[in-house]
Structure formats: C-alpha cells, structure tokens
N, C-alpha and C. Protein backbone atom coordinates (compact mmCIF):
# COMPACT_ATOMS: atom_id res chain seq x y z
N MET A 1 -2.84 -15.83 -75.62
CA MET A 1 -1.80 -15.70 -74.63
C MET A 1 -1.52 -17.09 -74.05
N ASN A 2 -0.28 -17.40 -73.90
CA ASN A 2 0.15 -18.68 -73.33
C ASN A 2 0.12 -18.58 -71.80
N PRO A 3 -0.59 -19.50 -71.12
CA PRO A 3 -0.67 -19.40 -69.66
C PRO A 3 0.65 -19.66 -68.96
N PHE A 4 1.63 -20.22 -69.66
CA PHE A 4 2.93 -20.50 -69.05
C PHE A 4 3.99 -19.47 -69.40
N ASP A 5 3.59 -18.42 -70.09
CA ASP A 5 4.50 -17.33 -70.43
C ASP A 5 4.46 -16.31 -69.28
N TRP A 6 5.45 -16.40 -68.38
CA TRP A 6 5.47 -15.57 -67.17
C TRP A 6 5.58 -14.09 -67.46
N LYS A 7 6.25 -13.76 -68.54
CA LYS A 7 6.40 -12.33 -68.88
C LYS A 7 5.04 -11.72 -69.20
N SER A 8 4.22 -12.41 -69.96
CA SER A 8 2.90 -11.87 -70.29
C SER A 8 1.98 -11.86 -69.07
N VAL A 9 2.17 -12.81 -68.17
CA VAL A 9 1.33 -12.84 -66.96
C VAL A 9 1.70 -11.71 -66.02
N LEU A 10 2.99 -11.52 -65.76
CA LEU A 10 3.43 -10.51 -64.79
C LEU A 10 3.33 -9.08 -65.31
N LEU A 11 3.40 -8.91 -66.62
CA LEU A 11 3.40 -7.56 -67.18
C LEU A 11 2.06 -7.17 -67.80
N ALA A 12 1.02 -7.97 -67.61
CA ALA A 12 -0.30 -7.58 -68.09
C ALA A 12 -0.71 -6.29 -67.41
N LYS A 13 -1.46 -5.46 -68.12
CA LYS A 13 -1.75 -4.11 -67.62
C LYS A 13 -2.59 -4.09 -66.36
N HIS A 14 -3.39 -5.09 -66.11
CA HIS A 14 -4.26 -5.06 -64.94
C HIS A 14 -4.20 -6.34 -64.11
N ALA A 15 -3.42 -7.31 -64.51
CA ALA A 15 -3.45 -8.63 -63.88
C ALA A 15 -3.02 -8.59 -62.41
N GLN A 16 -2.10 -7.74 -62.06
CA GLN A 16 -1.61 -7.71 -60.69
C GLN A 16 -2.73 -7.34 -59.72
N HIS A 17 -3.56 -6.39 -60.08
CA HIS A 17 -4.65 -5.98 -59.19
C HIS A 17 -5.66 -7.12 -59.03
N VAL A 18 -5.99 -7.76 -60.12
CA VAL A 18 -6.97 -8.84 -60.08
C VAL A 18 -6.49 -9.99 -59.20
N VAL A 19 -5.20 -10.24 -59.21
CA VAL A 19 -4.64 -11.32 -58.38
C VAL A 19 -4.50 -10.88 -56.93
N LEU A 20 -3.94 -9.71 -56.69
CA LEU A 20 -3.64 -9.26 -55.32
C LEU A 20 -4.87 -8.95 -54.49
N ILE A 21 -5.95 -8.55 -55.13
CA ILE A 21 -7.11 -8.09 -54.38
C ILE A 21 -7.76 -9.19 -53.56
N HIS A 22 -7.57 -10.44 -53.96
CA HIS A 22 -8.19 -11.55 -53.23
C HIS A 22 -7.61 -11.75 -51.84
N PHE A 23 -6.36 -11.36 -51.64
CA PHE A 23 -5.73 -11.54 -50.33
C PHE A 23 -6.38 -10.70 -49.23
N PRO A 24 -6.49 -9.37 -49.39
CA PRO A 24 -7.13 -8.62 -48.31
C PRO A 24 -8.59 -8.98 -48.12
N ILE A 25 -9.29 -9.32 -49.21
CA ILE A 25 -10.70 -9.69 -49.08
C ILE A 25 -10.84 -10.94 -48.23
N ALA A 26 -10.12 -11.99 -48.60
CA ALA A 26 -10.24 -13.27 -47.88
C ALA A 26 -9.72 -13.16 -46.45
N LEU A 27 -8.59 -12.50 -46.27
CA LEU A 27 -8.04 -12.36 -44.92
C LEU A 27 -8.97 -11.55 -44.01
N PHE A 28 -9.56 -10.49 -44.55
CA PHE A 28 -10.43 -9.67 -43.72
C PHE A 28 -11.70 -10.40 -43.35
N ILE A 29 -12.34 -11.06 -44.30
CA ILE A 29 -13.58 -11.78 -44.00
C ILE A 29 -13.31 -12.91 -43.02
N ALA A 30 -12.19 -13.62 -43.21
CA ALA A 30 -11.83 -14.68 -42.26
C ALA A 30 -11.56 -14.09 -40.87
N ALA A 31 -10.92 -12.94 -40.81
CA ALA A 31 -10.63 -12.30 -39.52
C ALA A 31 -11.91 -11.91 -38.81
N VAL A 32 -12.87 -11.40 -39.55
CA VAL A 32 -14.14 -11.02 -38.92
C VAL A 32 -14.84 -12.27 -38.38
N GLY A 33 -14.83 -13.35 -39.14
CA GLY A 33 -15.42 -14.59 -38.66
C GLY A 33 -14.73 -15.12 -37.42
N LEU A 34 -13.40 -15.11 -37.43
CA LEU A 34 -12.65 -15.56 -36.26
C LEU A 34 -12.89 -14.65 -35.06
N ASP A 35 -13.00 -13.36 -35.31
CA ASP A 35 -13.24 -12.41 -34.22
C ASP A 35 -14.61 -12.65 -33.59
N LEU A 36 -15.62 -12.87 -34.42
CA LEU A 36 -16.96 -13.11 -33.88
C LEU A 36 -17.03 -14.41 -33.10
N ILE A 37 -16.45 -15.47 -33.65
CA ILE A 37 -16.47 -16.76 -32.95
C ILE A 37 -15.63 -16.68 -31.67
N GLY A 38 -14.48 -16.02 -31.76
CA GLY A 38 -13.63 -15.85 -30.58
C GLY A 38 -14.29 -15.03 -29.50
N GLN A 39 -15.01 -13.99 -29.90
CA GLN A 39 -15.74 -13.15 -28.93
C GLN A 39 -16.86 -13.96 -28.28
N TRP A 40 -17.60 -14.71 -29.09
CA TRP A 40 -18.74 -15.48 -28.58
C TRP A 40 -18.28 -16.60 -27.65
N SER A 41 -17.19 -17.29 -28.02
CA SER A 41 -16.72 -18.42 -27.22
C SER A 41 -15.69 -18.02 -26.17
N ARG A 42 -15.28 -16.76 -26.19
CA ARG A 42 -14.24 -16.25 -25.28
C ARG A 42 -12.93 -17.03 -25.43
N ASN A 43 -12.63 -17.40 -26.66
CA ASN A 43 -11.43 -18.16 -26.97
C ASN A 43 -10.33 -17.19 -27.39
N LYS A 44 -9.32 -17.05 -26.57
CA LYS A 44 -8.23 -16.09 -26.86
C LYS A 44 -7.40 -16.50 -28.07
N SER A 45 -7.30 -17.79 -28.34
CA SER A 45 -6.56 -18.25 -29.52
C SER A 45 -7.23 -17.80 -30.81
N LEU A 46 -8.55 -17.87 -30.85
CA LEU A 46 -9.28 -17.40 -32.03
C LEU A 46 -9.16 -15.90 -32.19
N LEU A 47 -9.20 -15.18 -31.08
CA LEU A 47 -9.02 -13.73 -31.16
C LEU A 47 -7.62 -13.36 -31.63
N GLN A 48 -6.64 -14.15 -31.22
CA GLN A 48 -5.26 -13.91 -31.68
C GLN A 48 -5.14 -14.20 -33.17
N ALA A 49 -5.77 -15.29 -33.62
CA ALA A 49 -5.77 -15.61 -35.05
C ALA A 49 -6.47 -14.51 -35.85
N ALA A 50 -7.56 -13.97 -35.30
CA ALA A 50 -8.25 -12.87 -35.96
C ALA A 50 -7.33 -11.66 -36.09
N TYR A 51 -6.59 -11.37 -35.03
CA TYR A 51 -5.67 -10.24 -35.06
C TYR A 51 -4.62 -10.40 -36.17
N TYR A 52 -4.06 -11.60 -36.29
CA TYR A 52 -3.05 -11.82 -37.33
C TYR A 52 -3.67 -11.70 -38.73
N ASN A 53 -4.89 -12.17 -38.89
CA ASN A 53 -5.55 -12.02 -40.19
C ASN A 53 -5.86 -10.55 -40.48
N PHE A 54 -6.28 -9.80 -39.47
CA PHE A 54 -6.49 -8.36 -39.66
C PHE A 54 -5.19 -7.67 -40.05
N THR A 55 -4.09 -8.08 -39.43
CA THR A 55 -2.79 -7.48 -39.73
C THR A 55 -2.38 -7.74 -41.17
N LEU A 56 -2.53 -8.99 -41.61
CA LEU A 56 -2.17 -9.32 -42.99
C LEU A 56 -3.10 -8.63 -43.99
N ALA A 57 -4.38 -8.58 -43.67
CA ALA A 57 -5.33 -7.89 -44.55
C ALA A 57 -4.96 -6.42 -44.68
N ALA A 58 -4.61 -5.79 -43.57
CA ALA A 58 -4.23 -4.38 -43.61
C ALA A 58 -2.95 -4.19 -44.42
N ALA A 59 -2.02 -5.12 -44.31
CA ALA A 59 -0.78 -5.02 -45.08
C ALA A 59 -1.04 -5.15 -46.57
N PHE A 60 -1.99 -5.99 -46.95
CA PHE A 60 -2.28 -6.20 -48.37
C PHE A 60 -3.16 -5.10 -48.96
N VAL A 61 -3.71 -4.22 -48.14
CA VAL A 61 -4.51 -3.12 -48.66
C VAL A 61 -3.65 -2.22 -49.54
N PHE A 62 -2.42 -1.96 -49.11
CA PHE A 62 -1.57 -1.02 -49.85
C PHE A 62 -1.21 -1.51 -51.26
N PRO A 63 -0.74 -2.75 -51.43
CA PRO A 63 -0.48 -3.18 -52.81
C PRO A 63 -1.76 -3.31 -53.63
N ALA A 64 -2.88 -3.65 -53.00
CA ALA A 64 -4.13 -3.77 -53.75
C ALA A 64 -4.56 -2.41 -54.29
N VAL A 65 -4.50 -1.39 -53.45
CA VAL A 65 -4.87 -0.04 -53.90
C VAL A 65 -3.86 0.47 -54.93
N ALA A 66 -2.59 0.24 -54.69
CA ALA A 66 -1.56 0.71 -55.62
C ALA A 66 -1.70 0.07 -57.00
N THR A 67 -1.96 -1.23 -57.05
CA THR A 67 -2.11 -1.89 -58.35
C THR A 67 -3.42 -1.49 -59.02
N GLY A 68 -4.46 -1.18 -58.24
CA GLY A 68 -5.70 -0.69 -58.83
C GLY A 68 -5.50 0.68 -59.48
N LEU A 69 -4.79 1.56 -58.78
CA LEU A 69 -4.48 2.87 -59.36
C LEU A 69 -3.57 2.75 -60.57
N ALA A 70 -2.62 1.83 -60.52
CA ALA A 70 -1.72 1.61 -61.66
C ALA A 70 -2.49 1.08 -62.86
N ALA A 71 -3.45 0.17 -62.62
CA ALA A 71 -4.26 -0.36 -63.73
C ALA A 71 -5.08 0.76 -64.37
N TRP A 72 -5.59 1.66 -63.55
CA TRP A 72 -6.35 2.80 -64.08
C TRP A 72 -5.44 3.66 -64.97
N GLN A 73 -4.22 3.91 -64.51
CA GLN A 73 -3.31 4.75 -65.28
C GLN A 73 -2.85 4.05 -66.56
N TRP A 74 -2.54 2.76 -66.46
CA TRP A 74 -2.03 2.04 -67.63
C TRP A 74 -3.12 1.77 -68.66
N GLN A 75 -4.24 1.25 -68.19
CA GLN A 75 -5.27 0.83 -69.13
C GLN A 75 -6.09 1.99 -69.66
N LEU A 76 -6.41 2.93 -68.80
CA LEU A 76 -7.27 4.05 -69.21
C LEU A 76 -6.50 5.35 -69.37
N GLU A 77 -5.20 5.28 -69.18
CA GLU A 77 -4.32 6.43 -69.34
C GLU A 77 -4.77 7.63 -68.50
N GLY A 78 -5.27 7.34 -67.30
CA GLY A 78 -5.62 8.38 -66.35
C GLY A 78 -6.85 9.20 -66.68
N GLN A 79 -7.67 8.75 -67.63
CA GLN A 79 -8.85 9.54 -67.99
C GLN A 79 -9.85 9.59 -66.83
N HIS A 80 -10.76 10.53 -66.89
CA HIS A 80 -11.76 10.70 -65.82
C HIS A 80 -12.61 9.45 -65.70
N LEU A 81 -12.86 9.08 -64.45
CA LEU A 81 -13.66 7.88 -64.20
C LEU A 81 -15.13 8.24 -64.13
N LYS A 82 -15.96 7.28 -64.53
CA LYS A 82 -17.41 7.47 -64.42
C LYS A 82 -18.05 6.09 -64.31
N GLY A 83 -19.27 6.08 -63.85
CA GLY A 83 -20.04 4.85 -63.78
C GLY A 83 -19.49 3.85 -62.78
N VAL A 84 -19.52 2.59 -63.18
CA VAL A 84 -19.12 1.49 -62.30
C VAL A 84 -17.67 1.62 -61.86
N LEU A 85 -16.80 2.07 -62.74
CA LEU A 85 -15.39 2.21 -62.39
C LEU A 85 -15.19 3.25 -61.30
N LEU A 86 -15.91 4.34 -61.36
CA LEU A 86 -15.83 5.36 -60.31
C LEU A 86 -16.37 4.81 -58.99
N TYR A 87 -17.50 4.12 -59.04
CA TYR A 87 -18.07 3.52 -57.82
C TYR A 87 -17.11 2.49 -57.22
N HIS A 88 -16.46 1.72 -58.10
CA HIS A 88 -15.50 0.71 -57.63
C HIS A 88 -14.32 1.38 -56.94
N LEU A 89 -13.81 2.46 -57.51
CA LEU A 89 -12.68 3.17 -56.91
C LEU A 89 -13.06 3.75 -55.55
N VAL A 90 -14.20 4.42 -55.49
CA VAL A 90 -14.62 5.06 -54.24
C VAL A 90 -14.88 4.01 -53.17
N SER A 91 -15.61 2.95 -53.50
CA SER A 91 -15.89 1.92 -52.50
C SER A 91 -14.62 1.16 -52.14
N GLY A 92 -13.69 1.02 -53.07
CA GLY A 92 -12.41 0.37 -52.76
C GLY A 92 -11.58 1.17 -51.77
N VAL A 93 -11.55 2.47 -51.95
CA VAL A 93 -10.81 3.32 -51.01
C VAL A 93 -11.45 3.27 -49.62
N PHE A 94 -12.78 3.37 -49.57
CA PHE A 94 -13.45 3.28 -48.27
C PHE A 94 -13.29 1.91 -47.63
N SER A 95 -13.30 0.86 -48.44
CA SER A 95 -13.06 -0.49 -47.91
C SER A 95 -11.68 -0.59 -47.30
N GLY A 96 -10.69 -0.06 -48.01
CA GLY A 96 -9.33 -0.08 -47.49
C GLY A 96 -9.20 0.69 -46.19
N VAL A 97 -9.86 1.83 -46.11
CA VAL A 97 -9.81 2.63 -44.89
C VAL A 97 -10.47 1.87 -43.73
N LEU A 98 -11.61 1.24 -43.98
CA LEU A 98 -12.28 0.49 -42.91
C LEU A 98 -11.46 -0.72 -42.47
N ILE A 99 -10.78 -1.36 -43.40
CA ILE A 99 -9.90 -2.48 -43.02
C ILE A 99 -8.78 -1.98 -42.12
N LEU A 100 -8.19 -0.85 -42.49
CA LEU A 100 -7.10 -0.29 -41.68
C LEU A 100 -7.60 0.18 -40.31
N VAL A 101 -8.77 0.78 -40.25
CA VAL A 101 -9.33 1.22 -38.96
C VAL A 101 -9.62 0.02 -38.07
N THR A 102 -10.18 -1.03 -38.66
CA THR A 102 -10.46 -2.25 -37.88
C THR A 102 -9.17 -2.86 -37.35
N TRP A 103 -8.15 -2.90 -38.19
CA TRP A 103 -6.85 -3.41 -37.71
C TRP A 103 -6.32 -2.54 -36.58
N TRP A 104 -6.43 -1.23 -36.72
CA TRP A 104 -5.91 -0.31 -35.70
C TRP A 104 -6.60 -0.54 -34.36
N ILE A 105 -7.92 -0.77 -34.38
CA ILE A 105 -8.65 -1.04 -33.14
C ILE A 105 -8.09 -2.29 -32.47
N HIS A 106 -7.87 -3.34 -33.25
CA HIS A 106 -7.33 -4.58 -32.69
C HIS A 106 -5.87 -4.41 -32.27
N PHE A 107 -5.12 -3.63 -33.01
CA PHE A 107 -3.71 -3.38 -32.68
C PHE A 107 -3.60 -2.66 -31.34
N ARG A 108 -4.44 -1.65 -31.13
CA ARG A 108 -4.41 -0.93 -29.84
C ARG A 108 -4.76 -1.84 -28.68
N ALA A 109 -5.72 -2.73 -28.88
CA ALA A 109 -6.12 -3.64 -27.81
C ALA A 109 -5.01 -4.66 -27.52
N GLN A 110 -4.25 -5.05 -28.53
CA GLN A 110 -3.14 -5.99 -28.35
C GLN A 110 -1.99 -5.37 -27.56
N ARG A 111 -1.77 -4.08 -27.76
CA ARG A 111 -0.64 -3.40 -27.12
C ARG A 111 -0.86 -3.13 -25.65
N ARG A 112 -2.10 -3.01 -25.25
CA ARG A 112 -2.42 -2.67 -23.85
C ARG A 112 -2.79 -3.94 -23.10
N PRO A 113 -2.06 -4.24 -22.04
CA PRO A 113 -2.41 -5.44 -21.27
C PRO A 113 -3.78 -5.27 -20.59
N ASN A 114 -4.51 -6.35 -20.54
CA ASN A 114 -5.83 -6.41 -19.89
C ASN A 114 -6.84 -5.46 -20.50
N SER A 115 -6.66 -5.07 -21.75
CA SER A 115 -7.66 -4.21 -22.39
C SER A 115 -8.66 -5.09 -23.14
N THR A 116 -9.84 -4.59 -23.27
CA THR A 116 -10.87 -5.32 -24.00
C THR A 116 -11.21 -4.55 -25.27
N LEU A 117 -11.63 -5.31 -26.26
CA LEU A 117 -12.04 -4.70 -27.52
C LEU A 117 -13.41 -4.06 -27.35
N PRO A 118 -13.61 -2.90 -27.95
CA PRO A 118 -14.94 -2.28 -27.86
C PRO A 118 -15.98 -3.10 -28.61
N ARG A 119 -17.17 -3.17 -28.07
CA ARG A 119 -18.23 -3.98 -28.70
C ARG A 119 -18.71 -3.35 -30.01
N TRP A 120 -18.61 -2.04 -30.15
CA TRP A 120 -19.09 -1.39 -31.36
C TRP A 120 -18.26 -1.75 -32.58
N ARG A 121 -17.09 -2.37 -32.36
CA ARG A 121 -16.25 -2.76 -33.49
C ARG A 121 -16.94 -3.79 -34.36
N ILE A 122 -17.83 -4.60 -33.76
CA ILE A 122 -18.53 -5.63 -34.51
C ILE A 122 -19.41 -4.99 -35.59
N VAL A 123 -20.06 -3.88 -35.25
CA VAL A 123 -20.87 -3.15 -36.24
C VAL A 123 -19.96 -2.63 -37.35
N LEU A 124 -18.82 -2.07 -36.97
CA LEU A 124 -17.85 -1.58 -37.95
C LEU A 124 -17.37 -2.71 -38.85
N GLU A 125 -17.09 -3.87 -38.28
CA GLU A 125 -16.64 -5.01 -39.07
C GLU A 125 -17.71 -5.47 -40.05
N PHE A 126 -18.98 -5.50 -39.62
CA PHE A 126 -20.06 -5.88 -40.53
C PHE A 126 -20.21 -4.88 -41.67
N ILE A 127 -20.12 -3.61 -41.35
CA ILE A 127 -20.20 -2.58 -42.40
C ILE A 127 -19.05 -2.75 -43.37
N ALA A 128 -17.86 -3.01 -42.85
CA ALA A 128 -16.69 -3.19 -43.70
C ALA A 128 -16.85 -4.42 -44.60
N VAL A 129 -17.37 -5.52 -44.06
CA VAL A 129 -17.58 -6.72 -44.87
C VAL A 129 -18.57 -6.44 -45.99
N LEU A 130 -19.66 -5.71 -45.68
CA LEU A 130 -20.63 -5.36 -46.72
C LEU A 130 -20.01 -4.48 -47.79
N LEU A 131 -19.20 -3.51 -47.37
CA LEU A 131 -18.56 -2.62 -48.34
C LEU A 131 -17.51 -3.36 -49.17
N VAL A 132 -16.76 -4.25 -48.55
CA VAL A 132 -15.79 -5.07 -49.29
C VAL A 132 -16.53 -5.93 -50.32
N GLY A 133 -17.66 -6.51 -49.92
CA GLY A 133 -18.45 -7.31 -50.85
C GLY A 133 -18.98 -6.49 -52.01
N LEU A 134 -19.46 -5.27 -51.73
CA LEU A 134 -19.94 -4.39 -52.79
C LEU A 134 -18.80 -4.02 -53.74
N THR A 135 -17.65 -3.72 -53.18
CA THR A 135 -16.49 -3.37 -54.01
C THR A 135 -16.10 -4.53 -54.92
N GLY A 136 -16.07 -5.73 -54.36
CA GLY A 136 -15.75 -6.91 -55.17
C GLY A 136 -16.80 -7.16 -56.24
N HIS A 137 -18.05 -6.93 -55.90
CA HIS A 137 -19.13 -7.11 -56.87
C HIS A 137 -18.97 -6.14 -58.04
N LEU A 138 -18.69 -4.89 -57.74
CA LEU A 138 -18.46 -3.91 -58.79
C LEU A 138 -17.23 -4.26 -59.62
N GLY A 139 -16.18 -4.75 -58.94
CA GLY A 139 -14.97 -5.15 -59.65
C GLY A 139 -15.20 -6.33 -60.57
N SER A 140 -16.11 -7.22 -60.20
CA SER A 140 -16.38 -8.36 -61.07
C SER A 140 -17.04 -7.92 -62.37
N PHE A 141 -17.82 -6.85 -62.33
CA PHE A 141 -18.37 -6.31 -63.57
C PHE A 141 -17.28 -5.74 -64.44
N LEU A 142 -16.30 -5.10 -63.83
CA LEU A 142 -15.21 -4.49 -64.59
C LEU A 142 -14.30 -5.55 -65.23
N SER A 143 -14.13 -6.66 -64.53
CA SER A 143 -13.24 -7.70 -65.06
C SER A 143 -13.94 -8.60 -66.08
N GLY A 144 -15.26 -8.45 -66.22
CA GLY A 144 -15.99 -9.24 -67.19
C GLY A 144 -16.57 -10.52 -66.65
N VAL A 145 -16.46 -10.77 -65.35
CA VAL A 145 -16.99 -11.99 -64.77
C VAL A 145 -18.51 -12.00 -64.84
N ASN A 146 -19.14 -10.87 -64.59
CA ASN A 146 -20.61 -10.79 -64.54
C ASN A 146 -21.24 -10.28 -65.84
N THR A 147 -20.54 -10.33 -66.94
CA THR A 147 -21.14 -9.85 -68.19
C THR A 147 -21.52 -10.99 -69.08
C-alpha cells in the first residue's frame, strides 16, 4: 500500500478507528492531569483547561465507538465476538461511559455559579484512566502492536 494514496488510507476497513481513538484517550488523560493539578493548586485556569479537555474527549467518544463498531461489521462481518475482541469492546463501551459521566460532572459544576466539584470524582477519574488504559492495551493486541 502506498502511504500517499489517500483513497486507500481513508477507506481502509479499520484505519479510522485506529486513528480516531487516540484523541479521546489523550484528551481524557490530559484532562485528569490538569484537573488534579488544578485542584491541588486551586488554579481556576487549570480547572477550566481540564473542563475543555473533558468536553473534547467526550465529543470524540462517539466517533471512536462508531468507527470501532463499523470496523467490527466490515472486517468481521458482524460475527460473534470472543476473547480479546470481546473484552476490548466491553471495556471500550465502559470507558466511553465513564468519560461521558466525568464530563457531565464537570459540565454541571460549570453551569452552576459558585458550585464545587465533588471530591469523589477523583476516584472516578482514576478508575476511568485505568479502564481506558486497559482498553488501549487490549486494542494494541488486536492491531498487532503487541504480537
């Protein structure tokens, strides 16, 4: 395959998922880092930056999940999932839900003046980062990176 042939790059059966998935992962992990540092230093600018990263990560969850489901349908023709692929799908869906829940918590706090973020969200963010990492790890086996 020619790396400069845009048609083969854009129409590959699974390439869109592999490319798009890095956006919500990176944005979410960066948002958690900014949120923790902003909370610790009481820096409102860092908390605002974390909110914007959470927002973008939540927005990218939808195309990431959609392209993952499309890759399953195109490449495997919708056959029953098992093994690592099933674990990747389940952990990916839960990761997406946790990213959206985390964004929603921050969104509600942004809409209400003088509201504070609940402290338990930090535990939720850590769990979400671990699950996102597990999902990415399983996905790397599927893409052939770890074989």
